[in-house]
N, C-alpha and C. Protein backbone atom coordinates (compact mmCIF):
# COMPACT_ATOMS: atom_id res chain seq x y z
N UNK A 1 54.98 138.40 -38.46
CA UNK A 1 55.96 139.05 -37.04
C UNK A 1 56.97 137.47 -37.52
N UNK A 2 58.12 137.72 -36.82
CA UNK A 2 59.24 136.41 -37.22
C UNK A 2 59.00 135.88 -35.79
N UNK A 3 59.14 134.75 -35.80
CA UNK A 3 59.05 133.58 -34.54
C UNK A 3 60.28 134.24 -33.32
N UNK A 4 60.19 133.52 -32.52
CA UNK A 4 61.30 133.97 -31.35
C UNK A 4 62.24 133.27 -31.72
N UNK A 5 63.61 133.07 -31.52
CA UNK A 5 64.40 132.57 -31.76
C UNK A 5 65.73 132.72 -30.46
N UNK A 6 66.15 131.27 -30.40
CA UNK A 6 67.40 130.92 -29.00
C UNK A 6 67.95 130.62 -29.51
N UNK A 7 69.25 131.23 -28.95
CA UNK A 7 70.19 130.19 -29.29
C UNK A 7 70.80 129.57 -28.38
N UNK A 8 71.71 128.38 -29.12
CA UNK A 8 71.85 127.46 -28.47
C UNK A 8 72.12 127.29 -26.89
N UNK A 9 72.89 127.85 -26.55
CA UNK A 9 72.74 128.13 -24.54
C UNK A 9 71.47 128.20 -23.70
N UNK A 10 70.90 129.09 -24.65
CA UNK A 10 69.09 129.71 -24.20
C UNK A 10 68.37 128.41 -24.32
N UNK A 11 68.69 127.52 -25.50
CA UNK A 11 67.79 125.97 -25.29
C UNK A 11 68.11 124.95 -24.18
N UNK A 12 69.26 125.31 -24.33
CA UNK A 12 69.91 124.08 -23.77
C UNK A 12 69.30 124.53 -21.84
N UNK A 13 69.34 125.70 -21.31
CA UNK A 13 68.67 126.20 -20.19
C UNK A 13 67.55 125.52 -20.15
N UNK A 14 67.19 126.11 -21.05
CA UNK A 14 65.48 126.21 -20.93
C UNK A 14 65.09 124.43 -20.84
N UNK A 15 65.46 123.36 -21.77
CA UNK A 15 65.49 122.62 -21.56
C UNK A 15 65.43 121.53 -20.03
N UNK A 16 67.18 122.36 -19.38
CA UNK A 16 67.13 122.17 -17.94
C UNK A 16 66.50 122.23 -16.92
N UNK A 17 65.35 123.68 -16.98
CA UNK A 17 64.66 123.93 -16.01
C UNK A 17 63.68 123.14 -16.22
N UNK A 18 62.76 122.66 -17.83
CA UNK A 18 61.82 121.93 -17.87
C UNK A 18 61.69 120.83 -17.59
N UNK A 19 63.06 120.14 -16.97
CA UNK A 19 63.57 118.75 -16.63
C UNK A 19 63.57 118.76 -15.44
N UNK A 20 64.07 119.19 -14.64
CA UNK A 20 64.34 119.97 -13.36
C UNK A 20 62.70 119.91 -12.29
N UNK A 21 61.10 120.65 -13.09
CA UNK A 21 60.37 120.77 -13.11
C UNK A 21 59.62 119.59 -13.32
N UNK A 22 60.02 118.89 -14.06
CA UNK A 22 59.01 117.63 -13.93
C UNK A 22 59.92 116.45 -13.34
N UNK A 23 61.04 116.65 -12.50
CA UNK A 23 61.50 115.17 -11.59
C UNK A 23 60.93 116.03 -10.54
N UNK A 24 60.66 117.36 -9.92
CA UNK A 24 60.14 117.86 -9.00
C UNK A 24 59.08 117.71 -8.89
N UNK A 25 57.66 117.51 -9.89
CA UNK A 25 56.57 116.76 -9.98
C UNK A 25 56.40 115.39 -9.23
N UNK A 26 57.61 114.86 -10.02
CA UNK A 26 56.96 113.36 -10.12
C UNK A 26 57.51 112.90 -8.50
N UNK A 27 58.43 113.63 -7.98
CA UNK A 27 58.55 113.32 -6.68
C UNK A 27 57.68 113.59 -5.76
N UNK A 28 56.94 114.90 -5.84
CA UNK A 28 56.07 115.02 -4.77
C UNK A 28 54.67 114.18 -5.31
N UNK A 29 54.23 113.77 -6.26
CA UNK A 29 53.33 112.51 -6.81
C UNK A 29 53.78 111.69 -6.11
N UNK A 30 54.55 110.60 -6.14
CA UNK A 30 55.37 109.97 -5.27
C UNK A 30 55.04 109.92 -3.99
N UNK A 31 55.09 110.54 -3.36
CA UNK A 31 55.07 111.08 -2.23
C UNK A 31 53.56 110.92 -1.75
N UNK A 32 52.74 111.60 -2.48
CA UNK A 32 51.66 111.92 -1.82
C UNK A 32 50.93 110.45 -1.79
N UNK A 33 51.02 109.70 -3.00
CA UNK A 33 50.70 108.27 -3.11
C UNK A 33 51.51 107.44 -2.40
N UNK A 34 51.82 107.04 -1.69
CA UNK A 34 52.86 106.52 -1.15
C UNK A 34 52.03 106.48 0.57
N UNK A 35 51.85 107.48 0.74
CA UNK A 35 51.18 108.66 1.89
C UNK A 35 49.57 107.93 2.05
N UNK A 36 48.92 108.15 1.31
CA UNK A 36 47.40 107.61 0.73
C UNK A 36 47.24 105.70 1.44
N UNK A 37 48.74 105.14 0.40
CA UNK A 37 48.28 103.95 0.50
C UNK A 37 48.62 103.71 1.63
N UNK A 38 49.71 103.74 2.65
CA UNK A 38 49.93 103.74 3.77
C UNK A 38 48.89 104.00 5.30
N UNK A 39 48.25 104.93 5.15
CA UNK A 39 46.89 105.50 5.92
C UNK A 39 45.76 104.79 5.56
N UNK A 40 45.53 104.12 3.85
CA UNK A 40 44.10 103.70 3.93
C UNK A 40 44.48 102.09 4.36
N UNK A 41 45.17 101.34 4.68
CA UNK A 41 45.29 100.02 4.99
C UNK A 41 44.73 100.10 6.12
N UNK A 42 43.83 99.36 6.84
CA UNK A 42 43.92 98.96 8.36
C UNK A 42 43.05 97.84 8.54
N UNK A 43 43.24 97.05 9.37
CA UNK A 43 43.00 95.60 10.05
C UNK A 43 41.56 95.98 11.21
N UNK A 44 40.86 95.48 10.93
CA UNK A 44 39.67 95.37 11.48
C UNK A 44 39.20 94.00 12.40
N UNK A 45 39.11 94.02 13.66
CA UNK A 45 38.85 92.68 14.21
C UNK A 45 37.35 92.57 14.83
N UNK A 46 36.93 91.82 14.95
CA UNK A 46 35.29 92.29 15.73
C UNK A 46 36.15 91.81 17.50
N UNK A 47 35.14 93.10 18.30
CA UNK A 47 34.95 93.46 19.27
C UNK A 47 34.71 92.12 20.15
N UNK A 48 35.32 91.87 21.38
CA UNK A 48 34.64 90.45 21.91
C UNK A 48 34.14 91.04 22.94
N UNK A 49 33.89 92.59 23.34
CA UNK A 49 32.74 92.69 24.78
C UNK A 49 31.17 93.05 24.08
N UNK A 50 30.16 92.80 25.14
CA UNK A 50 29.19 92.52 24.52
C UNK A 50 28.56 93.20 23.63
N UNK A 51 29.44 94.88 23.53
CA UNK A 51 28.43 95.71 22.79
C UNK A 51 28.53 95.37 21.94
N UNK A 52 29.92 94.60 20.84
CA UNK A 52 30.06 94.11 19.24
C UNK A 52 30.98 94.93 18.84
N UNK A 53 31.28 96.05 19.69
CA UNK A 53 32.33 97.28 19.25
C UNK A 53 34.03 96.31 19.10
N UNK A 54 33.99 96.59 17.03
CA UNK A 54 35.31 96.17 16.74
C UNK A 54 36.75 97.18 17.08
N UNK A 55 37.81 96.63 16.87
CA UNK A 55 38.82 97.15 17.03
C UNK A 55 39.46 97.86 15.88
N UNK A 56 40.24 99.04 15.69
CA UNK A 56 40.44 98.99 13.97
C UNK A 56 41.50 99.50 14.45
N UNK A 57 42.66 98.77 13.66
CA UNK A 57 44.21 98.96 13.74
C UNK A 57 45.53 98.72 12.90
N UNK A 58 45.89 100.11 12.68
CA UNK A 58 46.48 100.61 11.31
C UNK A 58 47.71 99.47 11.13
N UNK A 59 48.12 99.08 9.82
CA UNK A 59 49.24 98.55 9.68
C UNK A 59 50.03 98.97 10.05
N UNK A 60 50.04 100.43 10.49
CA UNK A 60 51.28 100.52 10.72
C UNK A 60 51.76 100.47 12.14
N UNK A 61 50.58 100.02 13.36
CA UNK A 61 51.09 99.75 14.33
C UNK A 61 52.15 98.53 14.86
N UNK A 62 52.93 99.01 15.69
CA UNK A 62 54.46 98.34 15.65
C UNK A 62 54.40 96.72 15.91
N UNK A 63 53.44 96.56 16.86
CA UNK A 63 52.89 95.17 17.35
C UNK A 63 52.39 93.91 16.01
N UNK A 64 51.47 94.40 15.11
CA UNK A 64 51.32 93.70 13.70
C UNK A 64 52.16 93.31 13.02
N UNK A 65 52.92 94.79 12.44
CA UNK A 65 54.51 94.33 11.78
C UNK A 65 55.45 93.30 12.23
N UNK A 66 55.38 93.02 13.50
CA UNK A 66 56.27 92.22 14.16
C UNK A 66 55.61 90.93 14.14
N UNK A 67 54.52 90.81 13.92
CA UNK A 67 53.60 89.23 14.24
C UNK A 67 52.93 88.78 15.58
N UNK A 68 53.02 90.31 16.53
CA UNK A 68 52.40 89.87 17.71
C UNK A 68 51.21 90.80 17.71
N UNK A 69 50.14 90.23 18.57
CA UNK A 69 48.77 90.87 19.29
C UNK A 69 48.90 91.58 20.03
N UNK A 70 48.52 93.12 20.20
CA UNK A 70 48.89 94.27 20.89
C UNK A 70 47.49 94.38 21.38
N UNK A 71 47.45 94.62 22.84
CA UNK A 71 46.31 95.50 23.54
C UNK A 71 45.53 93.99 23.97
N UNK A 72 45.78 92.35 24.12
CA UNK A 72 45.08 91.36 24.37
C UNK A 72 45.69 91.27 25.86
N UNK A 73 45.00 90.22 26.21
CA UNK A 73 45.20 89.77 27.85
C UNK A 73 44.53 88.33 27.49
N UNK A 74 45.75 87.31 27.88
CA UNK A 74 44.96 85.34 28.05
C UNK A 74 45.41 84.72 29.39
N UNK A 75 44.22 84.58 29.19
CA UNK A 75 44.06 84.17 30.80
C UNK A 75 43.00 82.85 31.12
N UNK A 76 43.33 82.10 32.46
CA UNK A 76 42.47 80.92 32.26
C UNK A 76 41.25 81.39 33.65
N UNK A 77 40.13 81.03 33.51
CA UNK A 77 38.95 81.07 34.22
C UNK A 77 38.98 79.65 34.96
N UNK A 78 38.95 79.85 36.08
CA UNK A 78 38.66 78.37 36.84
C UNK A 78 37.55 78.33 38.12
N UNK A 79 36.99 77.15 38.45
CA UNK A 79 36.33 77.41 39.58
C UNK A 79 34.90 76.81 39.36
N UNK A 80 34.00 77.80 39.48
CA UNK A 80 32.56 78.12 40.17
C UNK A 80 32.10 79.12 38.75
N UNK A 81 32.20 78.90 37.53
CA UNK A 81 31.92 79.78 36.60
C UNK A 81 31.76 78.43 35.80
N UNK A 82 30.65 79.05 34.90
CA UNK A 82 29.42 77.96 33.76
C UNK A 82 30.59 77.47 32.43
N UNK A 83 31.33 77.97 32.15
CA UNK A 83 32.17 77.71 31.64
C UNK A 83 33.71 78.14 31.17
N UNK A 84 34.49 76.94 32.33
CA UNK A 84 35.72 77.30 32.61
C UNK A 84 36.63 76.89 31.75
N UNK A 85 37.88 78.09 31.47
CA UNK A 85 38.79 77.68 29.98
C UNK A 85 39.74 78.84 29.47
N UNK A 86 40.10 78.69 28.68
CA UNK A 86 41.05 79.64 28.47
C UNK A 86 40.13 80.69 27.50
N UNK A 87 40.87 82.00 27.83
CA UNK A 87 39.75 83.32 27.34
C UNK A 87 41.11 84.59 26.62
N UNK A 88 40.52 85.21 25.81
CA UNK A 88 41.16 86.47 25.82
C UNK A 88 39.95 87.38 25.46
N UNK A 89 41.16 88.71 26.13
CA UNK A 89 39.86 90.27 26.23
C UNK A 89 41.03 91.13 25.76
N UNK A 90 40.66 92.20 25.60
CA UNK A 90 41.07 93.65 25.60
C UNK A 90 42.36 93.75 27.07
N UNK A 91 43.12 94.44 26.54
CA UNK A 91 43.83 94.63 27.77
C UNK A 91 43.20 95.90 28.80
N UNK A 92 43.75 95.41 29.83
CA UNK A 92 42.97 96.87 30.67
C UNK A 92 41.90 96.09 31.21
N UNK A 93 41.19 94.63 30.98
CA UNK A 93 39.67 94.35 31.29
C UNK A 93 39.84 93.28 32.84
N UNK A 94 38.99 93.54 33.78
CA UNK A 94 38.53 93.34 34.70
C UNK A 94 38.54 92.15 34.95
N UNK A 95 38.62 91.69 36.06
CA UNK A 95 38.24 89.87 36.77
C UNK A 95 36.84 90.06 36.62
N UNK A 96 35.81 90.92 36.61
CA UNK A 96 34.06 90.78 36.32
C UNK A 96 34.04 90.55 35.20
N UNK A 97 35.38 90.98 34.54
CA UNK A 97 34.86 91.12 32.59
C UNK A 97 35.20 89.43 32.23
N UNK A 98 36.43 89.14 33.22
CA UNK A 98 37.07 87.22 32.60
C UNK A 98 35.82 86.72 33.38
N UNK A 99 34.93 86.76 34.12
CA UNK A 99 34.04 85.97 35.11
C UNK A 99 32.72 86.06 33.64
N UNK A 100 32.24 86.89 33.16
CA UNK A 100 31.49 87.16 32.52
C UNK A 100 31.84 86.28 30.67
N UNK A 101 33.12 86.19 30.59
CA UNK A 101 33.35 85.60 29.34
C UNK A 101 33.66 84.36 29.34
N UNK A 102 33.27 83.48 30.93
CA UNK A 102 33.26 82.10 31.30
C UNK A 102 32.23 81.85 31.53
N UNK A 103 30.70 82.96 31.16
CA UNK A 103 29.57 82.73 30.72
C UNK A 103 28.87 83.16 32.44
N UNK A 104 29.84 83.77 33.09
CA UNK A 104 29.06 84.04 34.43
C UNK A 104 29.31 83.50 35.66
N UNK A 105 29.15 83.42 36.49
CA UNK A 105 29.26 82.51 37.70
C UNK A 105 28.39 81.50 38.04
N UNK A 106 28.74 80.14 38.55
CA UNK A 106 27.48 79.96 39.07
C UNK A 106 26.69 80.28 40.50
N UNK A 107 25.58 79.82 40.71
CA UNK A 107 24.62 80.01 41.52
C UNK A 107 25.44 80.43 42.77
N UNK A 108 26.55 79.18 43.31
CA UNK A 108 26.84 79.11 44.84
C UNK A 108 28.20 79.84 44.74
N UNK A 109 28.86 80.37 43.76
CA UNK A 109 30.36 81.43 43.37
C UNK A 109 30.26 82.61 44.92
N UNK A 110 30.85 82.50 45.67
CA UNK A 110 31.56 83.33 46.47
C UNK A 110 32.52 84.83 45.86
N UNK A 111 31.38 85.36 45.04
CA UNK A 111 32.09 86.38 44.24
C UNK A 111 32.98 87.61 45.31
N UNK A 112 32.08 87.58 46.69
CA UNK A 112 32.57 88.56 48.10
C UNK A 112 34.04 88.32 48.30
N UNK A 113 34.46 87.26 47.56
CA UNK A 113 35.74 87.02 47.98
C UNK A 113 37.19 87.36 46.91
N UNK A 114 36.20 87.67 45.89
CA UNK A 114 36.96 88.43 44.95
C UNK A 114 37.06 89.84 44.70
N UNK A 115 38.47 90.36 44.11
CA UNK A 115 38.21 92.00 44.06
C UNK A 115 37.96 91.85 42.51
N UNK A 116 36.76 91.91 42.26
CA UNK A 116 36.09 92.08 40.56
C UNK A 116 36.86 93.52 39.86
N UNK A 117 37.41 94.67 40.51
CA UNK A 117 37.20 95.56 39.43
C UNK A 117 38.91 95.12 39.12
N UNK A 118 39.64 94.43 39.78
CA UNK A 118 40.90 94.30 39.74
C UNK A 118 41.16 93.90 38.06
N UNK A 119 42.75 94.63 37.64
CA UNK A 119 42.50 94.28 36.06
C UNK A 119 43.36 92.93 36.07
N UNK A 120 43.24 92.48 34.94
CA UNK A 120 43.33 90.73 34.31
C UNK A 120 44.61 91.04 34.01
N UNK A 121 45.96 90.10 34.15
CA UNK A 121 47.23 89.89 34.24
C UNK A 121 47.25 88.82 33.21
N UNK A 122 48.31 89.09 31.85
CA UNK A 122 48.75 88.32 31.00
C UNK A 122 48.77 87.34 31.53
N UNK A 123 48.61 86.00 31.11
CA UNK A 123 48.76 84.76 31.73
C UNK A 123 48.61 84.09 33.08
N UNK A 124 47.37 84.65 33.96
CA UNK A 124 47.30 84.62 35.14
C UNK A 124 45.98 83.43 35.17
N UNK A 125 45.58 83.26 36.25
CA UNK A 125 44.49 82.11 36.30
C UNK A 125 44.12 82.55 37.39
N UNK A 126 42.64 83.10 36.72
CA UNK A 126 41.79 83.15 37.82
C UNK A 126 40.92 82.37 38.41
N UNK A 127 40.43 82.00 39.69
CA UNK A 127 40.05 80.77 40.09
C UNK A 127 38.51 81.34 41.41
N UNK A 128 37.37 81.50 40.88
CA UNK A 128 36.34 81.73 41.39
C UNK A 128 35.84 80.51 42.68
N UNK A 129 35.87 80.81 43.53
CA UNK A 129 35.62 79.65 44.81
C UNK A 129 34.17 79.60 45.14
N UNK A 130 33.61 78.34 45.73
CA UNK A 130 32.71 78.18 46.17
C UNK A 130 32.02 78.96 47.10
N UNK A 131 30.85 79.35 47.48
CA UNK A 131 30.26 79.64 49.10
C UNK A 131 30.03 78.47 49.64
N UNK A 132 29.87 77.39 49.24
CA UNK A 132 29.54 75.79 49.55
C UNK A 132 30.81 75.40 50.31
N UNK A 133 31.95 75.71 49.86
CA UNK A 133 33.67 74.75 49.91
C UNK A 133 33.26 75.24 51.73
N UNK A 134 34.09 74.05 52.25
CA UNK A 134 34.42 74.34 53.97
C UNK A 134 35.21 75.66 53.47
N UNK A 135 35.65 76.38 54.72
CA UNK A 135 36.42 77.04 55.01
C UNK A 135 37.76 76.83 54.80
N UNK A 136 38.47 77.30 54.23
CA UNK A 136 40.43 76.62 53.92
C UNK A 136 40.79 76.23 55.21
N UNK A 137 40.63 77.45 56.30
CA UNK A 137 41.42 76.91 57.61
C UNK A 137 40.96 75.64 58.08
N UNK A 138 39.99 74.99 57.74
CA UNK A 138 39.18 73.73 58.32
C UNK A 138 39.91 72.67 58.06
N UNK A 139 40.84 72.28 57.11
CA UNK A 139 41.66 71.28 57.04
C UNK A 139 43.11 71.45 57.97
N UNK A 140 43.50 72.67 58.30
CA UNK A 140 44.78 72.91 59.23
C UNK A 140 44.85 72.13 60.56
N UNK A 141 43.82 72.68 61.06
CA UNK A 141 44.50 72.03 62.58
C UNK A 141 43.84 70.89 62.71
N UNK A 142 44.31 69.92 63.46
CA UNK A 142 43.98 68.66 63.78
C UNK A 142 43.83 68.29 64.96
N UNK A 143 42.96 67.98 65.93
CA UNK A 143 42.99 67.90 66.94
C UNK A 143 43.73 66.65 67.61
N UNK A 144 44.57 66.83 68.17
CA UNK A 144 45.58 65.89 68.44
C UNK A 144 45.61 65.21 70.91
N UNK A 145 45.36 64.00 70.73
CA UNK A 145 45.23 63.71 72.20
C UNK A 145 46.65 63.73 72.86
N UNK A 146 47.21 64.23 73.87
CA UNK A 146 48.42 63.39 74.46
C UNK A 146 48.45 62.40 74.39
N UNK A 147 49.54 61.59 74.41
CA UNK A 147 49.70 60.29 75.04
C UNK A 147 49.51 60.01 76.88
N UNK A 148 48.71 58.75 76.25
CA UNK A 148 48.72 58.02 77.70
C UNK A 148 49.71 58.24 78.65
N UNK A 149 49.64 59.05 80.08
CA UNK A 149 50.86 59.00 80.58
C UNK A 149 51.48 60.58 80.65
N UNK A 150 51.23 61.39 79.60
CA UNK A 150 51.70 62.32 79.64
C UNK A 150 50.83 63.25 80.09
N UNK A 151 51.55 64.24 80.90
CA UNK A 151 50.75 65.63 81.38
C UNK A 151 51.51 67.16 81.35
N UNK A 152 50.90 67.99 81.91
CA UNK A 152 51.65 68.91 82.31
C UNK A 152 51.39 70.04 80.54
N UNK A 153 52.85 70.72 80.33
CA UNK A 153 52.27 71.50 79.30
C UNK A 153 51.68 70.92 78.03
N UNK A 154 52.59 69.72 77.42
CA UNK A 154 52.24 69.19 76.29
C UNK A 154 50.25 69.09 76.18
N UNK A 155 50.11 68.89 77.38
CA UNK A 155 48.63 68.41 76.98
C UNK A 155 47.70 69.85 77.04
N UNK A 156 48.55 71.11 76.89
CA UNK A 156 47.59 72.11 76.78
C UNK A 156 47.88 72.28 75.42
N UNK A 157 48.37 71.86 74.46
CA UNK A 157 48.51 71.72 73.05
C UNK A 157 47.66 71.04 72.03
N UNK A 158 46.04 72.13 71.85
CA UNK A 158 44.91 70.98 71.36
C UNK A 158 45.13 70.64 69.82
N UNK A 159 46.22 72.09 69.22
CA UNK A 159 46.18 71.36 67.61
C UNK A 159 47.07 72.03 67.13
N UNK A 160 47.73 71.42 66.22
CA UNK A 160 49.19 71.68 65.61
C UNK A 160 48.39 71.97 63.78
N UNK A 161 49.75 72.63 63.11
CA UNK A 161 49.22 72.61 61.88
C UNK A 161 50.11 71.32 61.35
N UNK A 162 49.31 70.62 60.22
CA UNK A 162 50.51 69.81 59.56
C UNK A 162 50.52 70.73 58.52
N UNK A 163 52.29 70.44 58.52
CA UNK A 163 52.94 71.28 57.15
C UNK A 163 53.03 70.28 55.58
N UNK A 164 52.99 71.00 54.30
CA UNK A 164 53.09 70.01 53.47
C UNK A 164 54.15 69.74 53.21
N UNK A 165 54.48 68.58 52.90
CA UNK A 165 56.22 68.37 51.90
C UNK A 165 56.35 68.26 51.08
N UNK A 166 55.00 66.97 50.35
CA UNK A 166 55.50 66.46 49.37
C UNK A 166 54.50 66.94 48.29
N UNK A 167 54.46 67.05 47.09
CA UNK A 167 53.78 67.70 46.00
C UNK A 167 52.67 66.45 46.07
N UNK A 168 51.19 66.97 45.97
CA UNK A 168 49.98 65.91 46.07
C UNK A 168 49.62 66.00 47.30
N UNK A 169 50.24 66.63 47.99
CA UNK A 169 49.56 66.14 49.98
C UNK A 169 48.70 67.06 50.10
N UNK A 170 48.35 68.19 48.86
CA UNK A 170 47.35 68.87 48.78
C UNK A 170 47.82 70.74 48.62
N UNK A 171 47.18 71.39 48.78
CA UNK A 171 47.30 73.26 48.00
C UNK A 171 46.72 74.32 48.85
N UNK A 172 47.09 75.03 49.00
CA UNK A 172 46.87 76.00 49.88
C UNK A 172 46.43 77.06 48.79
N UNK A 173 44.71 77.91 48.40
CA UNK A 173 44.48 78.50 48.18
C UNK A 173 44.78 80.12 48.63
N UNK A 174 45.76 80.62 48.11
CA UNK A 174 46.17 82.35 48.75
C UNK A 174 45.39 83.30 48.66
N UNK A 175 44.14 83.00 48.01
CA UNK A 175 43.32 84.20 48.06
C UNK A 175 42.17 83.85 49.15
N UNK A 176 42.20 83.06 49.94
CA UNK A 176 41.23 82.80 50.73
C UNK A 176 41.58 82.24 52.21
N UNK A 177 42.57 81.49 51.85
CA UNK A 177 43.45 80.73 52.94
C UNK A 177 43.34 81.74 54.61
N UNK A 178 43.42 81.48 55.61
CA UNK A 178 43.72 82.32 56.31
C UNK A 178 45.38 82.21 57.10
N UNK A 179 45.50 82.90 58.38
CA UNK A 179 46.53 82.27 59.01
C UNK A 179 47.35 81.41 58.97
N UNK A 180 46.38 79.79 59.58
CA UNK A 180 46.38 78.62 59.84
C UNK A 180 46.86 77.98 58.57
N UNK A 181 46.28 77.95 57.75
CA UNK A 181 45.99 77.64 57.09
C UNK A 181 47.57 77.84 55.49
N UNK A 182 47.90 79.06 55.52
CA UNK A 182 48.90 79.88 54.85
C UNK A 182 50.46 79.16 55.79
N UNK A 183 50.08 78.66 57.10
CA UNK A 183 51.24 78.20 57.46
C UNK A 183 51.77 76.90 57.23
N UNK A 184 49.93 76.26 56.21
CA UNK A 184 51.30 74.96 56.36
C UNK A 184 51.97 74.69 54.90
N UNK A 185 52.61 76.07 54.40
CA UNK A 185 52.93 75.91 53.36
C UNK A 185 54.84 76.19 53.63
N UNK A 186 55.45 75.37 53.15
CA UNK A 186 56.84 75.32 53.28
C UNK A 186 57.73 77.11 53.75
N UNK A 187 57.95 77.10 54.99
CA UNK A 187 59.11 77.91 55.17
C UNK A 187 58.27 79.18 55.75
N UNK A 188 56.66 79.12 56.03
CA UNK A 188 56.01 80.31 56.02
C UNK A 188 55.52 79.87 57.94
N UNK A 189 55.97 81.06 58.72
CA UNK A 189 55.50 80.88 60.05
C UNK A 189 54.25 81.75 60.03
N UNK A 190 54.23 81.94 61.20
CA UNK A 190 52.63 82.97 61.77
C UNK A 190 53.11 84.03 61.34
N UNK A 191 54.22 84.91 61.28
CA UNK A 191 54.72 86.68 60.88
C UNK A 191 54.51 86.30 59.23
N UNK A 192 55.20 85.22 58.72
CA UNK A 192 55.05 85.50 57.24
C UNK A 192 53.92 85.59 56.64
N UNK A 193 52.77 84.58 57.38
CA UNK A 193 51.63 84.61 57.18
C UNK A 193 50.74 85.43 57.29
N UNK A 194 51.12 86.16 58.26
CA UNK A 194 50.42 87.65 58.87
C UNK A 194 51.05 88.49 57.05
N UNK A 195 52.34 88.59 56.94
CA UNK A 195 52.73 89.57 55.88
C UNK A 195 51.71 89.12 54.91
N UNK A 196 51.77 87.92 54.90
CA UNK A 196 50.94 87.31 53.21
C UNK A 196 49.67 88.04 53.33
N UNK A 197 48.61 87.96 54.16
CA UNK A 197 47.49 88.53 54.43
C UNK A 197 47.17 89.95 54.71
N UNK A 198 48.24 90.54 54.96
CA UNK A 198 48.43 91.90 55.27
C UNK A 198 48.64 92.62 53.37
N UNK A 199 49.51 91.77 52.84
CA UNK A 199 49.54 92.38 51.85
C UNK A 199 48.68 92.28 50.38
N UNK A 200 47.90 90.54 50.98
CA UNK A 200 46.56 90.50 50.02
C UNK A 200 46.06 91.86 50.39
N UNK A 201 45.54 91.98 51.99
CA UNK A 201 44.40 92.97 51.39
C UNK A 201 45.32 94.30 51.14
N UNK A 202 46.04 94.75 50.96
CA UNK A 202 46.84 96.07 49.89
C UNK A 202 46.28 95.71 48.76
N UNK A 203 46.84 94.52 48.15
CA UNK A 203 46.16 94.49 46.41
C UNK A 203 44.56 93.80 45.97
N UNK A 204 43.90 93.54 47.27
CA UNK A 204 42.55 93.22 46.70
C UNK A 204 42.51 91.69 46.81
N UNK A 205 43.47 91.42 45.66
CA UNK A 205 43.62 89.59 44.97
C UNK A 205 44.69 89.51 44.51
N UNK A 206 45.03 88.40 45.00
CA UNK A 206 46.41 87.26 43.91
C UNK A 206 45.92 87.31 42.65
N UNK A 207 46.65 87.93 41.74
CA UNK A 207 45.97 87.47 40.35
C UNK A 207 47.36 86.44 39.84
N UNK A 208 48.28 85.95 40.29
CA UNK A 208 49.09 85.00 40.34
C UNK A 208 50.17 84.50 41.36
N UNK A 209 50.62 83.29 41.34
CA UNK A 209 51.09 83.09 42.66
C UNK A 209 53.23 83.63 43.22
N UNK A 210 53.14 84.18 41.44
CA UNK A 210 54.49 84.90 41.63
C UNK A 210 54.53 86.32 42.38
N UNK A 211 53.33 86.65 42.60
CA UNK A 211 52.91 88.25 43.25
C UNK A 211 53.52 88.13 44.50
N UNK A 212 53.95 86.78 45.43
CA UNK A 212 54.22 86.09 46.59
C UNK A 212 55.56 86.98 46.83
N UNK A 213 56.26 86.35 45.78
CA UNK A 213 57.75 87.18 45.76
C UNK A 213 57.77 88.72 46.15
N UNK A 214 56.41 89.58 46.14
CA UNK A 214 56.75 90.78 46.61
C UNK A 214 56.60 90.87 48.08
N UNK A 215 56.14 89.74 48.98
CA UNK A 215 55.67 89.91 50.25
C UNK A 215 57.37 89.87 51.16
N UNK A 216 57.15 90.71 51.81
CA UNK A 216 58.67 90.79 52.77
C UNK A 216 58.59 89.14 53.47
N UNK A 217 59.96 88.37 53.24
CA UNK A 217 60.19 87.70 53.61
C UNK A 217 60.31 86.62 53.12
N UNK A 218 59.64 86.52 51.44
CA UNK A 218 59.34 86.04 50.75
C UNK A 218 60.22 85.79 49.80
N UNK A 219 61.30 85.10 49.27
CA UNK A 219 62.55 85.58 48.24
C UNK A 219 62.22 84.56 47.28
N UNK A 220 62.90 84.57 46.15
CA UNK A 220 62.66 83.79 45.05
C UNK A 220 63.03 81.35 45.50
N UNK A 221 63.91 81.86 46.56
CA UNK A 221 64.03 80.74 46.52
C UNK A 221 62.98 80.15 47.65
N UNK A 222 62.80 80.84 48.80
CA UNK A 222 61.51 80.24 49.56
C UNK A 222 60.17 80.16 48.38
N UNK A 223 59.95 81.09 47.48
CA UNK A 223 58.81 80.77 46.71
C UNK A 223 58.56 79.62 45.85
N UNK A 224 60.41 79.28 44.99
CA UNK A 224 59.92 78.08 44.57
C UNK A 224 59.82 76.29 45.34
N UNK A 225 60.08 76.64 46.56
CA UNK A 225 59.58 75.71 47.90
C UNK A 225 58.24 75.54 47.94
N UNK A 226 57.47 76.61 47.72
CA UNK A 226 56.19 76.73 48.19
C UNK A 226 55.16 76.58 46.99
N UNK A 227 56.12 76.97 45.42
CA UNK A 227 55.17 76.45 44.33
C UNK A 227 54.86 75.39 44.00
N UNK A 228 54.87 74.10 44.60
CA UNK A 228 54.07 73.37 44.10
C UNK A 228 52.23 73.08 45.17
N UNK A 229 52.56 73.74 46.08
CA UNK A 229 51.62 73.78 47.01
C UNK A 229 50.75 75.22 47.05
N UNK A 230 50.93 75.52 45.35
CA UNK A 230 49.91 77.27 45.50
C UNK A 230 49.17 77.03 44.79
N UNK A 231 47.96 77.47 45.18
CA UNK A 231 47.15 77.87 44.41
C UNK A 231 46.20 79.60 44.45
N UNK A 232 44.81 79.92 43.85
CA UNK A 232 44.60 81.07 43.75
C UNK A 232 43.53 80.65 44.33
């Protein structure tokens, strides 16, 4: 039998079809290879919790591609803990996790004054007070004796609240201060002090002093005057 014979046009058409098939196969293989390579690269960091579970993050994570660390909070722990310092934990961690990260609370720590279930905010300072410390209000009222020769209404005032005026005069711990102690702050009277305490009761615990801006009657200007005398 004689072999098949093709005309010149048929040969050209056959070559074109084979070329298209080769191009299509090449494109598909290139896509599959790129997808496999992209999905196969992961970054694994050791977990910081007690369970030792690691955090696995794909290199497709936008935070890693931009050079930032995603899902972390950096904070400071101070006061009655065994290892006060700056720590990093996964986002969503609680105050109790921060205390554990700092080696745990000391024997005289007053944990009841803190909201241990509150979430840790990035850049915050967590202060653990001591149960052995005198009440925050003890420094506020000071007994005064009326000047000799003065009687009447002025003699009925047994105590006054001394305002903090210059940096270095002292600080007010807004998580434990009572109404009298809060009134030592510039621009804070009985009404504003009561609103601060009510707001503190609603949120459970101040994690940063800037939260005072959310209290009705305290704006940015008043907060800046108070800032040198504020502590958590």
